[in-house]
Protein backbone atom coordinates (compact mmCIF):
# COMPACT_ATOMS: atom_id res chain seq x y z
CA MET A 1 22.46 -16.20 17.64
CA THR A 2 19.97 -16.83 14.84
CA VAL A 3 17.01 -14.51 14.39
CA THR A 4 13.98 -16.08 12.79
CA GLN A 5 11.95 -13.71 10.68
CA GLN A 6 8.26 -13.85 11.60
CA PRO A 7 5.53 -13.28 9.01
CA PRO A 8 3.95 -9.83 9.16
CA THR A 9 0.89 -9.44 11.36
CA PRO A 10 -2.24 -7.47 10.43
CA ALA A 11 -0.91 -4.70 12.71
CA ASP A 12 2.30 -4.55 10.66
CA TRP A 13 0.21 -4.06 7.54
CA TRP A 14 -2.01 -1.38 9.16
CA VAL A 15 1.05 0.64 10.20
CA THR A 16 2.49 0.30 6.70
CA ALA A 17 -0.82 1.44 5.18
CA ASP A 18 -0.93 4.45 7.50
CA GLN A 19 2.65 5.44 6.75
CA SER A 20 2.07 5.08 3.01
CA LEU A 21 -1.04 7.27 3.20
CA THR A 22 0.90 9.89 5.13
CA LEU A 23 3.59 9.82 2.46
CA ALA A 24 0.96 10.09 -0.29
CA GLY A 25 -0.59 13.11 1.42
CA ARG A 26 2.75 14.82 1.72
CA HIS A 27 3.45 14.37 -1.99
CA THR A 28 -0.05 15.29 -3.07
CA GLY A 29 0.14 18.56 -1.17
CA ALA A 30 3.45 19.40 -2.79
CA ALA A 31 2.11 18.55 -6.23
CA HIS A 32 -0.58 21.21 -5.96
CA THR A 33 1.91 23.99 -5.39
CA ALA A 34 4.91 22.91 -7.43
CA PRO A 35 5.85 25.64 -9.92
CA ASP A 36 7.67 23.29 -12.24
CA LEU A 37 5.67 20.77 -14.25
CA LEU A 38 8.41 18.12 -14.08
CA THR A 39 8.55 18.46 -10.31
CA THR A 40 4.77 18.22 -10.17
CA LEU A 41 4.85 15.08 -12.30
CA SER A 42 7.49 13.55 -10.06
CA GLU A 43 5.46 14.36 -6.94
CA ILE A 44 2.31 12.87 -8.45
CA ALA A 45 4.18 9.67 -9.39
CA GLU A 46 5.54 9.35 -5.84
CA ALA A 47 2.06 9.94 -4.39
CA ARG A 48 0.68 7.24 -6.69
CA ARG A 49 3.31 4.73 -5.54
CA ALA A 50 2.60 5.55 -1.91
CA THR A 51 -1.16 5.25 -2.44
CA ASP A 52 -0.70 1.88 -4.16
CA SER A 53 1.40 0.69 -1.22
CA ALA A 54 -1.31 1.87 1.19
CA LEU A 55 -3.94 -0.03 -0.79
CA GLY A 56 -1.90 -3.22 -0.81
CA ALA A 57 -1.10 -2.96 2.89
CA ALA A 58 -4.77 -2.39 3.72
CA VAL A 59 -5.75 -5.47 1.69
CA GLN A 60 -3.08 -7.54 3.48
CA ALA A 61 -4.30 -6.28 6.86
CA LEU A 62 -7.89 -7.15 6.01
CA LEU A 63 -6.94 -10.62 4.77
CA GLY A 64 -4.83 -11.17 7.87
CA SER A 65 -7.79 -10.14 10.02
CA GLY A 66 -10.03 -12.75 8.45
CA ARG A 67 -11.78 -10.73 5.77
CA SER A 68 -12.43 -12.46 2.46
CA TRP A 69 -11.51 -11.53 -1.08
CA ASP A 70 -15.25 -11.28 -1.79
CA GLU A 71 -15.59 -8.56 0.87
CA ILE A 72 -12.54 -6.77 -0.51
CA ALA A 73 -13.96 -6.93 -4.04
CA ILE A 74 -17.21 -5.34 -2.85
CA ALA A 75 -15.33 -2.59 -0.99
CA LEU A 76 -13.32 -1.84 -4.14
CA GLY A 77 -16.41 -1.87 -6.36
CA LEU A 78 -15.15 -4.89 -8.29
CA PRO A 79 -17.34 -7.74 -9.57
CA ASP A 80 -15.65 -10.68 -7.84
CA ALA A 81 -12.77 -11.98 -5.75
CA GLU A 82 -10.61 -12.99 -8.70
CA THR A 83 -10.88 -9.54 -10.25
CA ALA A 84 -9.92 -8.03 -6.89
CA ARG A 85 -6.87 -10.31 -6.68
CA ARG A 86 -5.71 -9.30 -10.15
CA ALA A 87 -6.46 -5.61 -9.64
CA THR A 88 -4.56 -5.41 -6.36
CA ALA A 89 -1.57 -7.58 -7.31
CA PRO A 90 0.76 -4.64 -8.08
CA ALA A 91 -0.38 -2.84 -4.92
CA LEU A 92 0.31 -5.96 -2.85
CA GLU A 93 3.85 -6.07 -4.25
CA GLY A 94 4.34 -2.40 -3.43
CA ALA A 95 3.07 -2.98 0.09
CA ARG A 96 5.51 -5.83 0.56
CA ARG A 97 8.38 -3.57 -0.47
CA ALA A 98 7.15 -0.77 1.83
CA LEU A 99 6.82 -3.18 4.76
CA ASP A 100 10.28 -4.62 4.15
CA GLU A 101 11.73 -1.10 4.09
CA ARG A 102 9.83 -0.14 7.25
CA ILE A 103 10.95 -3.14 9.30
CA GLY A 104 14.41 -3.33 7.78
CA HIS A 105 14.28 -6.49 5.69
CA PRO A 106 16.50 -6.60 2.63
């Protein structure tokens, strides 16, 4: 039996964004109370990665729901669609990795 992988839906991206935000919140809370500076730094870095993944997943969900890059640029406070594409490129990659991990793709 062959299983065909379907492209992610906007709902897939929304769930990934939510899970990434939850992860970011967990790490941010720990960073405020960590007694060791190296641990704090590690927690902040993990929160940043999770927040970037949440941003990328939210952008993917919006695009998949018919929103335009111009609308996304405005929401992000950026001057135009091309700037928004460039600014979110790393976050989009992080979101792809988070989604693949969440749904079990290699």
